[in-house]
Amino acid sequence: MDNIEIRELLPEDAEQMIEYLKKIGGETDNLTFGKEGLPITVEQEKEFLRQARESKQSVHYGAWKNGQIIGHGNLSGFPRRMSHRAEMSLAVMKSEWNQGIGSMLVEKLIEYARQNEIEIIQLEVRSDNTSAIHLYEKHGFQRIGIIPAYFKMENAYFDFDMMCLDLR
């Protein structure tokens, strides 16, 4: 993993991030979007990244290889009485699966949480995504419930597992 760099995404990474999201959206049905990517502009992504950098409860990391984003992970903190919690999301380009990049990102996100008073990290993952579930369990996440019919694609429903890491 010598050639992989994990660093916080900057507003100037917005355009490349949008292109990366289109690529990964077309590679898997495990994400909330497809090959169209997210319906956001470069300016909206810049603002999202700017806000994440300014918040102690949120962070957005990119995994870089040869100057290209190949994975990302983020924590989105909650406000007020839930400020001790954050929701995590993670994705890696299919060509880089099973190379340890997901673990690198999860470890970096957990480290950030510990340093910024985030005590509980939660996430949702497709119940049949056994590779992702294994990754999360390896880092201490536990399944705490099932959300039935979380996704609907072409008249088929897919359940999601709710998972949680308690850092208290």
C-alpha atoms as a PDB file:
ATOM      1  CA  MET A   1       0.000   0.000   0.000  1.00  0.00           C
ATOM      2  CA  ASP A   2       2.996   2.269  -0.424  1.00  0.00           C
ATOM      3  CA  ASN A   3       1.421   4.045  -3.388  1.00  0.00           C
ATOM      4  CA  ILE A   4      -1.914   4.822  -1.647  1.00  0.00           C
ATOM      5  CA  GLU A   5      -2.407   8.176   0.053  1.00  0.00           C
ATOM      6  CA  ILE A   6      -5.354   8.863   2.363  1.00  0.00           C
ATOM      7  CA  ARG A   7      -6.049  12.564   2.861  1.00  0.00           C
ATOM      8  CA  GLU A   8      -8.910  14.885   3.563  1.00  0.00           C
ATOM      9  CA  LEU A   9     -10.694  15.976   0.418  1.00  0.00           C
ATOM     10  CA  LEU A  10     -10.420  19.674  -0.398  1.00  0.00           C
ATOM     11  CA  PRO A  11     -12.882  21.897  -2.272  1.00  0.00           C
ATOM     12  CA  GLU A  12     -10.506  21.854  -5.249  1.00  0.00           C
ATOM     13  CA  ASP A  13     -11.041  18.053  -5.459  1.00  0.00           C
ATOM     14  CA  ALA A  14     -14.755  18.540  -6.203  1.00  0.00           C
ATOM     15  CA  GLU A  15     -14.644  18.017  -9.957  1.00  0.00           C
ATOM     16  CA  GLN A  16     -12.575  14.839  -9.706  1.00  0.00           C
ATOM     17  CA  MET A  17     -14.842  13.606  -6.892  1.00  0.00           C
ATOM     18  CA  ILE A  18     -17.950  14.001  -9.056  1.00  0.00           C
ATOM     19  CA  GLU A  19     -16.319  11.999 -11.862  1.00  0.00           C
ATOM     20  CA  TYR A  20     -15.234   9.313  -9.375  1.00  0.00           C
ATOM     21  CA  LEU A  21     -18.816   9.054  -8.050  1.00  0.00           C
ATOM     22  CA  LYS A  22     -20.108   8.441 -11.582  1.00  0.00           C
ATOM     23  CA  LYS A  23     -17.528   5.654 -12.052  1.00  0.00           C
ATOM     24  CA  ILE A  24     -18.299   3.845  -8.811  1.00  0.00           C
ATOM     25  CA  GLY A  25     -22.043   4.299  -9.298  1.00  0.00           C
ATOM     26  CA  GLY A  26     -21.797   2.345 -12.532  1.00  0.00           C
ATOM     27  CA  GLU A  27     -19.770  -0.471 -10.942  1.00  0.00           C
ATOM     28  CA  THR A  28     -22.110  -1.658  -8.188  1.00  0.00           C
ATOM     29  CA  ASP A  29     -25.716  -1.731  -7.030  1.00  0.00           C
ATOM     30  CA  ASN A  30     -24.680  -1.239  -3.392  1.00  0.00           C
ATOM     31  CA  LEU A  31     -24.831   2.573  -3.544  1.00  0.00           C
ATOM     32  CA  THR A  32     -27.788   4.949  -3.439  1.00  0.00           C
ATOM     33  CA  PHE A  33     -27.009   6.092  -6.996  1.00  0.00           C
ATOM     34  CA  GLY A  34     -25.986   4.586 -10.314  1.00  0.00           C
ATOM     35  CA  LYS A  35     -23.727   5.584 -13.188  1.00  0.00           C
ATOM     36  CA  GLU A  36     -25.381   9.014 -13.300  1.00  0.00           C
ATOM     37  CA  GLY A  37     -23.630   9.843 -10.033  1.00  0.00           C
ATOM     38  CA  LEU A  38     -25.166  12.246  -7.565  1.00  0.00           C
ATOM     39  CA  PRO A  39     -27.326  15.114  -8.848  1.00  0.00           C
ATOM     40  CA  ILE A  40     -24.942  17.839  -7.690  1.00  0.00           C
ATOM     41  CA  THR A  41     -22.887  20.513  -9.353  1.00  0.00           C
ATOM     42  CA  VAL A  42     -19.169  21.099  -8.871  1.00  0.00           C
ATOM     43  CA  GLU A  43     -20.032  24.189  -6.822  1.00  0.00           C
ATOM     44  CA  GLN A  44     -22.335  22.160  -4.547  1.00  0.00           C
ATOM     45  CA  GLU A  45     -19.628  19.530  -4.036  1.00  0.00           C
ATOM     46  CA  LYS A  46     -17.087  22.271  -3.265  1.00  0.00           C
ATOM     47  CA  GLU A  47     -19.438  23.669  -0.632  1.00  0.00           C
ATOM     48  CA  PHE A  48     -20.036  20.197   0.840  1.00  0.00           C
ATOM     49  CA  LEU A  49     -16.280  19.621   1.134  1.00  0.00           C
ATOM     50  CA  ARG A  50     -15.766  23.116   2.561  1.00  0.00           C
ATOM     51  CA  GLN A  51     -18.412  22.520   5.237  1.00  0.00           C
ATOM     52  CA  ALA A  52     -16.956  19.108   6.128  1.00  0.00           C
ATOM     53  CA  ARG A  53     -13.541  20.725   6.681  1.00  0.00           C
ATOM     54  CA  GLU A  54     -15.043  23.349   8.988  1.00  0.00           C
ATOM     55  CA  SER A  55     -16.958  20.869  11.159  1.00  0.00           C
ATOM     56  CA  LYS A  56     -15.349  18.887  13.984  1.00  0.00           C
ATOM     57  CA  GLN A  57     -18.112  16.257  13.648  1.00  0.00           C
ATOM     58  CA  SER A  58     -17.652  15.649   9.925  1.00  0.00           C
ATOM     59  CA  VAL A  59     -14.783  14.680   7.659  1.00  0.00           C
ATOM     60  CA  HIS A  60     -14.400  13.431   4.089  1.00  0.00           C
ATOM     61  CA  TYR A  61     -11.307  11.431   3.122  1.00  0.00           C
ATOM     62  CA  GLY A  62     -10.170  10.350  -0.292  1.00  0.00           C
ATOM     63  CA  ALA A  63      -7.916   7.427  -1.149  1.00  0.00           C
ATOM     64  CA  TRP A  64      -5.532   8.428  -3.922  1.00  0.00           C
ATOM     65  CA  LYS A  65      -3.444   6.289  -6.261  1.00  0.00           C
ATOM     66  CA  ASN A  66      -1.344   7.824  -9.021  1.00  0.00           C
ATOM     67  CA  GLY A  67      -3.159  11.150  -8.631  1.00  0.00           C
ATOM     68  CA  GLN A  68      -6.638   9.616  -8.972  1.00  0.00           C
ATOM     69  CA  ILE A  69      -9.353   9.100  -6.375  1.00  0.00           C
ATOM     70  CA  ILE A  70      -9.938   5.375  -5.974  1.00  0.00           C
ATOM     71  CA  GLY A  71     -11.949   5.395  -2.762  1.00  0.00           C
ATOM     72  CA  HIS A  72     -13.580   7.671  -0.244  1.00  0.00           C
ATOM     73  CA  GLY A  73     -14.990   7.573   3.243  1.00  0.00           C
ATOM     74  CA  ASN A  74     -16.788  10.149   5.278  1.00  0.00           C
ATOM     75  CA  LEU A  75     -18.337  10.834   8.639  1.00  0.00           C
ATOM     76  CA  SER A  76     -21.350  13.115   8.763  1.00  0.00           C
ATOM     77  CA  GLY A  77     -21.959  14.348  12.284  1.00  0.00           C
ATOM     78  CA  PHE A  78     -25.333  14.991  13.822  1.00  0.00           C
ATOM     79  CA  PRO A  79     -26.377  18.212  15.578  1.00  0.00           C
ATOM     80  CA  ARG A  80     -27.363  19.098  19.133  1.00  0.00           C
ATOM     81  CA  ARG A  81     -28.117  16.171  21.463  1.00  0.00           C
ATOM     82  CA  MET A  82     -26.822  13.763  18.846  1.00  0.00           C
ATOM     83  CA  SER A  83     -23.469  15.511  18.381  1.00  0.00           C
ATOM     84  CA  HIS A  84     -21.680  12.473  19.840  1.00  0.00           C
ATOM     85  CA  ARG A  85     -22.820  10.444  16.787  1.00  0.00           C
ATOM     86  CA  ALA A  86     -21.871  10.356  13.112  1.00  0.00           C
ATOM     87  CA  GLU A  87     -22.989   8.413  10.078  1.00  0.00           C
ATOM     88  CA  MET A  88     -20.298   6.760   7.978  1.00  0.00           C
ATOM     89  CA  SER A  89     -20.243   6.052   4.269  1.00  0.00           C
ATOM     90  CA  LEU A  90     -17.530   4.329   2.281  1.00  0.00           C
ATOM     91  CA  ALA A  91     -16.881   3.227  -1.293  1.00  0.00           C
ATOM     92  CA  VAL A  92     -13.908   1.953  -3.269  1.00  0.00           C
ATOM     93  CA  MET A  93     -13.534   1.517  -7.023  1.00  0.00           C
ATOM     94  CA  LYS A  94     -14.176  -2.085  -8.044  1.00  0.00           C
ATOM     95  CA  SER A  95     -10.691  -2.451  -9.546  1.00  0.00           C
ATOM     96  CA  GLU A  96      -9.297  -1.780  -6.048  1.00  0.00           C
ATOM     97  CA  TRP A  97     -11.558  -4.111  -4.032  1.00  0.00           C
ATOM     98  CA  ASN A  98      -9.826  -6.504  -1.616  1.00  0.00           C
ATOM     99  CA  GLN A  99      -6.613  -4.454  -1.618  1.00  0.00           C
ATOM    100  CA  GLY A 100      -6.968  -3.088   1.935  1.00  0.00           C
ATOM    101  CA  ILE A 101      -8.126   0.381   0.887  1.00  0.00           C
ATOM    102  CA  GLY A 102     -11.482   0.053   2.633  1.00  0.00           C
ATOM    103  CA  SER A 103      -9.687  -0.917   5.851  1.00  0.00           C
ATOM    104  CA  MET A 104      -7.335   2.046   5.519  1.00  0.00           C
ATOM    105  CA  LEU A 105     -10.289   4.403   5.162  1.00  0.00           C
ATOM    106  CA  VAL A 106     -12.257   2.858   8.053  1.00  0.00           C
ATOM    107  CA  GLU A 107      -9.194   3.071  10.329  1.00  0.00           C
ATOM    108  CA  LYS A 108      -8.670   6.723   9.401  1.00  0.00           C
ATOM    109  CA  LEU A 109     -12.335   7.524  10.066  1.00  0.00           C
ATOM    110  CA  ILE A 110     -12.286   5.762  13.448  1.00  0.00           C
ATOM    111  CA  GLU A 111      -9.106   7.645  14.378  1.00  0.00           C
ATOM    112  CA  TYR A 112     -10.789  10.927  13.426  1.00  0.00           C
ATOM    113  CA  ALA A 113     -13.867  10.020  15.489  1.00  0.00           C
ATOM    114  CA  ARG A 114     -11.774   9.260  18.569  1.00  0.00           C
ATOM    115  CA  GLN A 115      -9.923  12.585  18.256  1.00  0.00           C
ATOM    116  CA  ASN A 116     -13.107  14.627  17.796  1.00  0.00           C
ATOM    117  CA  GLU A 117     -15.429  13.326  20.507  1.00  0.00           C
ATOM    118  CA  ILE A 118     -17.519  11.195  18.170  1.00  0.00           C
ATOM    119  CA  GLU A 119     -18.527   8.270  20.344  1.00  0.00           C
ATOM    120  CA  ILE A 120     -20.834   6.303  18.068  1.00  0.00           C
ATOM    121  CA  ILE A 121     -20.497   5.657  14.340  1.00  0.00           C
ATOM    122  CA  GLN A 122     -23.468   4.232  12.502  1.00  0.00           C
ATOM    123  CA  LEU A 123     -23.987   3.024   8.946  1.00  0.00           C
ATOM    124  CA  GLU A 124     -26.359   1.132   6.696  1.00  0.00           C
ATOM    125  CA  VAL A 125     -25.149  -1.596   4.343  1.00  0.00           C
ATOM    126  CA  ARG A 126     -26.989  -3.849   1.906  1.00  0.00           C
ATOM    127  CA  SER A 127     -27.697  -7.080   3.764  1.00  0.00           C
ATOM    128  CA  ASP A 128     -26.270  -9.211   0.940  1.00  0.00           C
ATOM    129  CA  ASN A 129     -23.028  -7.187   0.715  1.00  0.00           C
ATOM    130  CA  THR A 130     -21.053  -9.745   2.709  1.00  0.00           C
ATOM    131  CA  SER A 131     -17.649  -8.248   1.853  1.00  0.00           C
ATOM    132  CA  ALA A 132     -18.578  -4.844   3.267  1.00  0.00           C
ATOM    133  CA  ILE A 133     -20.229  -6.393   6.333  1.00  0.00           C
ATOM    134  CA  HIS A 134     -17.066  -8.430   6.975  1.00  0.00           C
ATOM    135  CA  LEU A 135     -14.941  -5.256   6.664  1.00  0.00           C
ATOM    136  CA  TYR A 136     -17.096  -3.390   9.169  1.00  0.00           C
ATOM    137  CA  GLU A 137     -17.233  -6.311  11.621  1.00  0.00           C
ATOM    138  CA  LYS A 138     -13.440  -6.626  11.406  1.00  0.00           C
ATOM    139  CA  HIS A 139     -13.247  -3.057  12.742  1.00  0.00           C
ATOM    140  CA  GLY A 140     -15.693  -3.662  15.587  1.00  0.00           C
ATOM    141  CA  PHE A 141     -19.026  -2.670  14.060  1.00  0.00           C
ATOM    142  CA  GLN A 142     -22.001  -4.732  15.179  1.00  0.00           C
ATOM    143  CA  ARG A 143     -25.276  -5.381  13.415  1.00  0.00           C
ATOM    144  CA  ILE A 144     -28.079  -3.773  15.386  1.00  0.00           C
ATOM    145  CA  GLY A 145     -31.062  -4.230  13.097  1.00  0.00           C
ATOM    146  CA  ILE A 146     -32.459  -4.623   9.617  1.00  0.00           C
ATOM    147  CA  ILE A 147     -34.212  -2.023   7.498  1.00  0.00           C
ATOM    148  CA  PRO A 148     -36.595  -3.930   5.220  1.00  0.00           C
ATOM    149  CA  ALA A 149     -36.951  -2.902   1.574  1.00  0.00           C
ATOM    150  CA  TYR A 150     -34.392  -0.078   1.928  1.00  0.00           C
ATOM    151  CA  PHE A 151     -33.641  -0.154  -1.818  1.00  0.00           C
ATOM    152  CA  LYS A 152     -36.042  -0.773  -4.659  1.00  0.00           C
ATOM    153  CA  MET A 153     -34.470  -1.458  -8.037  1.00  0.00           C
ATOM    154  CA  GLU A 154     -36.484  -2.732 -11.000  1.00  0.00           C
ATOM    155  CA  ASN A 155     -39.329  -3.917  -8.739  1.00  0.00           C
ATOM    156  CA  ALA A 156     -36.959  -5.871  -6.463  1.00  0.00           C
ATOM    157  CA  TYR A 157     -36.511  -4.897  -2.829  1.00  0.00           C
ATOM    158  CA  PHE A 158     -33.267  -5.104  -0.862  1.00  0.00           C
ATOM    159  CA  ASP A 159     -32.912  -5.078   2.900  1.00  0.00           C
ATOM    160  CA  PHE A 160     -30.114  -3.220   4.646  1.00  0.00           C
ATOM    161  CA  ASP A 161     -28.333  -4.003   7.902  1.00  0.00           C
ATOM    162  CA  MET A 162     -27.913  -1.200  10.398  1.00  0.00           C
ATOM    163  CA  MET A 163     -24.467  -1.333  12.002  1.00  0.00           C
ATOM    164  CA  CYS A 164     -22.908   0.591  14.836  1.00  0.00           C
ATOM    165  CA  LEU A 165     -19.480   1.077  16.405  1.00  0.00           C
ATOM    166  CA  ASP A 166     -19.570   2.241  20.025  1.00  0.00           C
ATOM    167  CA  LEU A 167     -16.289   3.976  20.902  1.00  0.00           C
ATOM    168  CA  ARG A 168     -17.237   4.861  24.487  1.00  0.00           C
END
